Amino acid sequence: MINQFIKMAEQVETIVKIVDGNAASINKTLSQIVNNEPAVVSKFNFVDTAFLSEFEKQNNNLNLHPSDEELVKTKFGITDAFAAIARTGSVCVLNDETMSGSYSLFVNTHIALVNSKDVVENPRDIFQKEPYKNITSNKDFIFISGSSATADMGPLVRGVHGPAKLYVIIIE
């Protein structure tokens, strides 16, 4: 299913990285992407945060509690995702007090981390199977499929309704 997710995600211009579940691998991958540029990190509910303390030490441009003005000027938003949909190449991000929804939409580049066990085949799986059914029946969330783009007013423009670039890090 992960290969199907990657294939579909790449079709919508998502960059997918697969990493080992250890903190050093996650930290290294995130640091390579962010490259010490300004970033915000949401509260995580679904991914182990053991990597975060080292990531914070190595990246002096992280902001864990940005103001609205800081958020708009920040290049990267780092969130977790409670599921990834193989058939569509989408990730599912909460839109709640964790700020994941805001941090995924109001930045230039969104980085979503998702556990490999949370890659499901179809969108309906998150509405019918546990533990996703409990999440989707009680919380607001966003399906994110690739970078935001529109061409309804002329040539294709990226980043209008959300981030111009999407990375998905699958943690094995």
C-alpha atoms as a PDB file:
ATOM      1  CA  MET A   1       0.000   0.000   0.000  1.00  0.00           C
ATOM      2  CA  ILE A   2       2.890   2.370   0.655  1.00  0.00           C
ATOM      3  CA  ASN A   3       4.075   2.009  -2.940  1.00  0.00           C
ATOM      4  CA  GLN A   4       0.582   2.867  -4.185  1.00  0.00           C
ATOM      5  CA  PHE A   5       0.513   5.910  -1.896  1.00  0.00           C
ATOM      6  CA  ILE A   6       3.889   7.078  -3.219  1.00  0.00           C
ATOM      7  CA  LYS A   7       2.803   6.629  -6.843  1.00  0.00           C
ATOM      8  CA  MET A   8      -0.410   8.613  -6.339  1.00  0.00           C
ATOM      9  CA  ALA A   9       1.264  11.287  -4.187  1.00  0.00           C
ATOM     10  CA  GLU A  10       3.969  11.872  -6.770  1.00  0.00           C
ATOM     11  CA  GLN A  11       1.276  12.348  -9.436  1.00  0.00           C
ATOM     12  CA  VAL A  12       0.058  15.395  -7.495  1.00  0.00           C
ATOM     13  CA  GLU A  13       3.631  16.654  -7.021  1.00  0.00           C
ATOM     14  CA  THR A  14       4.051  15.542  -3.414  1.00  0.00           C
ATOM     15  CA  ILE A  15       7.575  14.661  -2.335  1.00  0.00           C
ATOM     16  CA  VAL A  16       7.554  11.455  -0.272  1.00  0.00           C
ATOM     17  CA  LYS A  17      10.402  10.292   1.970  1.00  0.00           C
ATOM     18  CA  ILE A  18      10.455   7.008   3.892  1.00  0.00           C
ATOM     19  CA  VAL A  19      12.498   6.962   7.105  1.00  0.00           C
ATOM     20  CA  ASP A  20      13.258   4.551   9.912  1.00  0.00           C
ATOM     21  CA  GLY A  21      11.274   5.174  13.072  1.00  0.00           C
ATOM     22  CA  ASN A  22      14.281   6.221  15.110  1.00  0.00           C
ATOM     23  CA  ALA A  23      14.635   9.814  16.227  1.00  0.00           C
ATOM     24  CA  ALA A  24      17.971  10.353  14.464  1.00  0.00           C
ATOM     25  CA  SER A  25      16.577   9.363  11.038  1.00  0.00           C
ATOM     26  CA  ILE A  26      13.509  11.566  11.394  1.00  0.00           C
ATOM     27  CA  ASN A  27      15.593  14.491  12.655  1.00  0.00           C
ATOM     28  CA  LYS A  28      18.102  14.130   9.798  1.00  0.00           C
ATOM     29  CA  THR A  29      15.376  14.055   7.125  1.00  0.00           C
ATOM     30  CA  LEU A  30      13.526  17.031   8.592  1.00  0.00           C
ATOM     31  CA  SER A  31      16.741  19.025   8.995  1.00  0.00           C
ATOM     32  CA  GLN A  32      17.679  18.381   5.352  1.00  0.00           C
ATOM     33  CA  ILE A  33      14.296  19.637   4.152  1.00  0.00           C
ATOM     34  CA  VAL A  34      14.013  22.637   6.473  1.00  0.00           C
ATOM     35  CA  ASN A  35      17.703  23.582   6.204  1.00  0.00           C
ATOM     36  CA  ASN A  36      17.407  25.927   9.201  1.00  0.00           C
ATOM     37  CA  GLU A  37      14.726  28.065   7.513  1.00  0.00           C
ATOM     38  CA  PRO A  38      11.836  29.416   9.635  1.00  0.00           C
ATOM     39  CA  ALA A  39       9.425  26.631  10.615  1.00  0.00           C
ATOM     40  CA  VAL A  40       6.471  26.043  12.912  1.00  0.00           C
ATOM     41  CA  VAL A  41       5.782  22.707  14.563  1.00  0.00           C
ATOM     42  CA  SER A  42       2.294  21.678  15.643  1.00  0.00           C
ATOM     43  CA  LYS A  43       1.475  19.552  18.649  1.00  0.00           C
ATOM     44  CA  PHE A  44       1.676  15.893  17.565  1.00  0.00           C
ATOM     45  CA  ASN A  45      -0.948  13.322  18.514  1.00  0.00           C
ATOM     46  CA  PHE A  46      -0.111  10.429  16.195  1.00  0.00           C
ATOM     47  CA  VAL A  47       3.672  10.391  15.693  1.00  0.00           C
ATOM     48  CA  ASP A  48       6.288   9.804  18.395  1.00  0.00           C
ATOM     49  CA  THR A  49       7.973  13.121  19.197  1.00  0.00           C
ATOM     50  CA  ALA A  50      11.277  11.716  20.472  1.00  0.00           C
ATOM     51  CA  PHE A  51      13.058  13.401  17.541  1.00  0.00           C
ATOM     52  CA  LEU A  52      11.791  16.891  18.403  1.00  0.00           C
ATOM     53  CA  SER A  53      14.203  17.893  21.162  1.00  0.00           C
ATOM     54  CA  GLU A  54      17.267  17.278  18.971  1.00  0.00           C
ATOM     55  CA  PHE A  55      15.541  18.880  15.979  1.00  0.00           C
ATOM     56  CA  GLU A  56      14.858  21.998  18.078  1.00  0.00           C
ATOM     57  CA  LYS A  57      18.519  22.175  19.173  1.00  0.00           C
ATOM     58  CA  GLN A  58      19.784  21.939  15.581  1.00  0.00           C
ATOM     59  CA  ASN A  59      17.299  24.372  14.043  1.00  0.00           C
ATOM     60  CA  ASN A  60      17.286  27.808  15.640  1.00  0.00           C
ATOM     61  CA  ASN A  61      14.436  29.066  13.427  1.00  0.00           C
ATOM     62  CA  LEU A  62      11.705  26.882  14.929  1.00  0.00           C
ATOM     63  CA  ASN A  63       8.668  28.535  16.429  1.00  0.00           C
ATOM     64  CA  LEU A  64       6.330  26.379  18.496  1.00  0.00           C
ATOM     65  CA  HIS A  65       3.853  29.185  19.288  1.00  0.00           C
ATOM     66  CA  PRO A  66       3.814  31.686  16.409  1.00  0.00           C
ATOM     67  CA  SER A  67       1.616  34.743  16.215  1.00  0.00           C
ATOM     68  CA  ASP A  68      -0.620  35.079  13.143  1.00  0.00           C
ATOM     69  CA  GLU A  69       1.923  37.448  11.577  1.00  0.00           C
ATOM     70  CA  GLU A  70       4.802  35.050  12.233  1.00  0.00           C
ATOM     71  CA  LEU A  71       2.837  32.117  10.820  1.00  0.00           C
ATOM     72  CA  VAL A  72       2.205  33.892   7.522  1.00  0.00           C
ATOM     73  CA  LYS A  73       5.940  34.685   7.176  1.00  0.00           C
ATOM     74  CA  THR A  74       7.087  31.177   8.076  1.00  0.00           C
ATOM     75  CA  LYS A  75       8.347  28.954   5.273  1.00  0.00           C
ATOM     76  CA  PHE A  76       7.671  25.489   6.731  1.00  0.00           C
ATOM     77  CA  GLY A  77       4.797  23.991   8.725  1.00  0.00           C
ATOM     78  CA  ILE A  78       5.491  20.612  10.311  1.00  0.00           C
ATOM     79  CA  THR A  79       2.534  18.483  11.415  1.00  0.00           C
ATOM     80  CA  ASP A  80       1.618  14.887  11.938  1.00  0.00           C
ATOM     81  CA  ALA A  81      -1.129  13.151   9.985  1.00  0.00           C
ATOM     82  CA  PHE A  82      -3.438  10.528  11.450  1.00  0.00           C
ATOM     83  CA  ALA A  83      -3.710   8.674   8.126  1.00  0.00           C
ATOM     84  CA  ALA A  84      -2.537   8.585   4.525  1.00  0.00           C
ATOM     85  CA  ILE A  85      -4.779   7.389   1.698  1.00  0.00           C
ATOM     86  CA  ALA A  86      -3.022   5.141  -0.838  1.00  0.00           C
ATOM     87  CA  ARG A  87      -5.646   5.490  -3.567  1.00  0.00           C
ATOM     88  CA  THR A  88      -5.475   9.300  -3.639  1.00  0.00           C
ATOM     89  CA  GLY A  89      -2.000  10.107  -2.304  1.00  0.00           C
ATOM     90  CA  SER A  90      -3.645  12.245   0.391  1.00  0.00           C
ATOM     91  CA  VAL A  91      -2.816  12.775   4.051  1.00  0.00           C
ATOM     92  CA  CYS A  92      -5.378  13.492   6.771  1.00  0.00           C
ATOM     93  CA  VAL A  93      -4.481  16.270   9.205  1.00  0.00           C
ATOM     94  CA  LEU A  94      -6.508  17.390  12.220  1.00  0.00           C
ATOM     95  CA  ASN A  95      -7.945  20.884  12.219  1.00  0.00           C
ATOM     96  CA  ASP A  96      -8.152  21.524  15.942  1.00  0.00           C
ATOM     97  CA  GLU A  97      -6.292  22.973  18.930  1.00  0.00           C
ATOM     98  CA  THR A  98      -3.056  21.226  17.807  1.00  0.00           C
ATOM     99  CA  MET A  99      -2.883  23.934  15.097  1.00  0.00           C
ATOM    100  CA  SER A 100      -2.033  21.253  12.514  1.00  0.00           C
ATOM    101  CA  GLY A 101      -4.684  22.512  10.109  1.00  0.00           C
ATOM    102  CA  SER A 102      -3.427  26.092  10.281  1.00  0.00           C
ATOM    103  CA  TYR A 103       0.228  25.066  10.133  1.00  0.00           C
ATOM    104  CA  SER A 104      -0.500  22.992   7.027  1.00  0.00           C
ATOM    105  CA  LEU A 105      -2.396  25.714   5.151  1.00  0.00           C
ATOM    106  CA  PHE A 106      -0.733  29.052   5.950  1.00  0.00           C
ATOM    107  CA  VAL A 107       2.879  28.225   5.109  1.00  0.00           C
ATOM    108  CA  ASN A 108       4.734  27.912   1.833  1.00  0.00           C
ATOM    109  CA  THR A 109       5.783  24.296   2.450  1.00  0.00           C
ATOM    110  CA  HIS A 110       3.914  21.721   4.527  1.00  0.00           C
ATOM    111  CA  ILE A 111       5.729  18.691   5.943  1.00  0.00           C
ATOM    112  CA  ALA A 112       3.394  15.958   7.182  1.00  0.00           C
ATOM    113  CA  LEU A 113       4.713  12.992   9.165  1.00  0.00           C
ATOM    114  CA  VAL A 114       2.660   9.794   9.155  1.00  0.00           C
ATOM    115  CA  ASN A 115       3.291   6.307  10.514  1.00  0.00           C
ATOM    116  CA  SER A 116       3.514   3.582   7.858  1.00  0.00           C
ATOM    117  CA  LYS A 117       0.857   1.544   9.700  1.00  0.00           C
ATOM    118  CA  ASP A 118      -1.558   4.432   9.107  1.00  0.00           C
ATOM    119  CA  VAL A 119      -1.470   4.202   5.313  1.00  0.00           C
ATOM    120  CA  VAL A 120      -4.922   2.923   4.353  1.00  0.00           C
ATOM    121  CA  GLU A 121      -6.200   1.930   0.932  1.00  0.00           C
ATOM    122  CA  ASN A 122      -9.346   4.038   0.426  1.00  0.00           C
ATOM    123  CA  PRO A 123     -10.821   7.251   1.796  1.00  0.00           C
ATOM    124  CA  ARG A 124     -13.786   5.312   3.205  1.00  0.00           C
ATOM    125  CA  ASP A 125     -11.398   3.349   5.463  1.00  0.00           C
ATOM    126  CA  ILE A 126     -10.939   6.362   7.740  1.00  0.00           C
ATOM    127  CA  PHE A 127     -14.713   6.573   8.203  1.00  0.00           C
ATOM    128  CA  GLN A 128     -15.301   2.837   8.697  1.00  0.00           C
ATOM    129  CA  LYS A 129     -12.256   1.397  10.489  1.00  0.00           C
ATOM    130  CA  GLU A 130     -10.854   2.022  13.948  1.00  0.00           C
ATOM    131  CA  PRO A 131      -8.973   3.959  15.191  1.00  0.00           C
ATOM    132  CA  TYR A 132      -9.715   6.360  12.306  1.00  0.00           C
ATOM    133  CA  LYS A 133     -13.501   6.087  12.613  1.00  0.00           C
ATOM    134  CA  ASN A 134     -13.302   7.488  16.141  1.00  0.00           C
ATOM    135  CA  ILE A 135     -11.153  10.396  14.944  1.00  0.00           C
ATOM    136  CA  THR A 136     -13.263  11.299  11.899  1.00  0.00           C
ATOM    137  CA  SER A 137     -16.549  11.111  13.801  1.00  0.00           C
ATOM    138  CA  ASN A 138     -15.357  13.410  16.604  1.00  0.00           C
ATOM    139  CA  LYS A 139     -12.859  15.853  15.053  1.00  0.00           C
ATOM    140  CA  ASP A 140     -12.522  18.264  12.160  1.00  0.00           C
ATOM    141  CA  PHE A 141      -9.816  17.311   9.706  1.00  0.00           C
ATOM    142  CA  ILE A 142      -8.419  18.148   6.277  1.00  0.00           C
ATOM    143  CA  PHE A 143      -7.604  15.892   3.314  1.00  0.00           C
ATOM    144  CA  ILE A 144      -4.421  17.243   1.727  1.00  0.00           C
ATOM    145  CA  SER A 145      -3.517  16.026  -1.748  1.00  0.00           C
ATOM    146  CA  GLY A 146      -0.414  17.652  -3.143  1.00  0.00           C
ATOM    147  CA  SER A 147       0.386  21.306  -3.301  1.00  0.00           C
ATOM    148  CA  SER A 148      -2.364  23.866  -3.546  1.00  0.00           C
ATOM    149  CA  ALA A 149      -2.929  25.050  -7.104  1.00  0.00           C
ATOM    150  CA  THR A 150      -5.517  26.899  -9.150  1.00  0.00           C
ATOM    151  CA  ALA A 151      -5.855  27.909 -12.778  1.00  0.00           C
ATOM    152  CA  ASP A 152      -9.388  29.265 -12.686  1.00  0.00           C
ATOM    153  CA  MET A 153      -8.274  32.867 -13.262  1.00  0.00           C
ATOM    154  CA  GLY A 154      -5.529  32.256 -15.845  1.00  0.00           C
ATOM    155  CA  PRO A 155      -2.240  30.351 -15.721  1.00  0.00           C
ATOM    156  CA  LEU A 156      -1.554  27.734 -13.028  1.00  0.00           C
ATOM    157  CA  VAL A 157      -0.619  29.326  -9.695  1.00  0.00           C
ATOM    158  CA  ARG A 158       0.634  27.302  -6.703  1.00  0.00           C
ATOM    159  CA  GLY A 159       0.108  28.119  -3.047  1.00  0.00           C
ATOM    160  CA  VAL A 160      -3.176  30.012  -3.370  1.00  0.00           C
ATOM    161  CA  HIS A 161      -5.420  27.891  -1.118  1.00  0.00           C
ATOM    162  CA  GLY A 162      -2.671  26.270   0.912  1.00  0.00           C
ATOM    163  CA  PRO A 163       1.012  25.390   0.678  1.00  0.00           C
ATOM    164  CA  ALA A 164       2.867  25.568  -2.642  1.00  0.00           C
ATOM    165  CA  LYS A 165       4.810  22.410  -1.762  1.00  0.00           C
ATOM    166  CA  LEU A 166       3.984  19.253   0.229  1.00  0.00           C
ATOM    167  CA  TYR A 167       6.382  16.736   1.727  1.00  0.00           C
ATOM    168  CA  VAL A 168       5.145  13.536   3.334  1.00  0.00           C
ATOM    169  CA  ILE A 169       7.521  11.652   5.600  1.00  0.00           C
ATOM    170  CA  ILE A 170       6.425   8.057   6.140  1.00  0.00           C
ATOM    171  CA  ILE A 171       7.866   6.642   9.349  1.00  0.00           C
ATOM    172  CA  GLU A 172       8.481   2.893   9.310  1.00  0.00           C
END
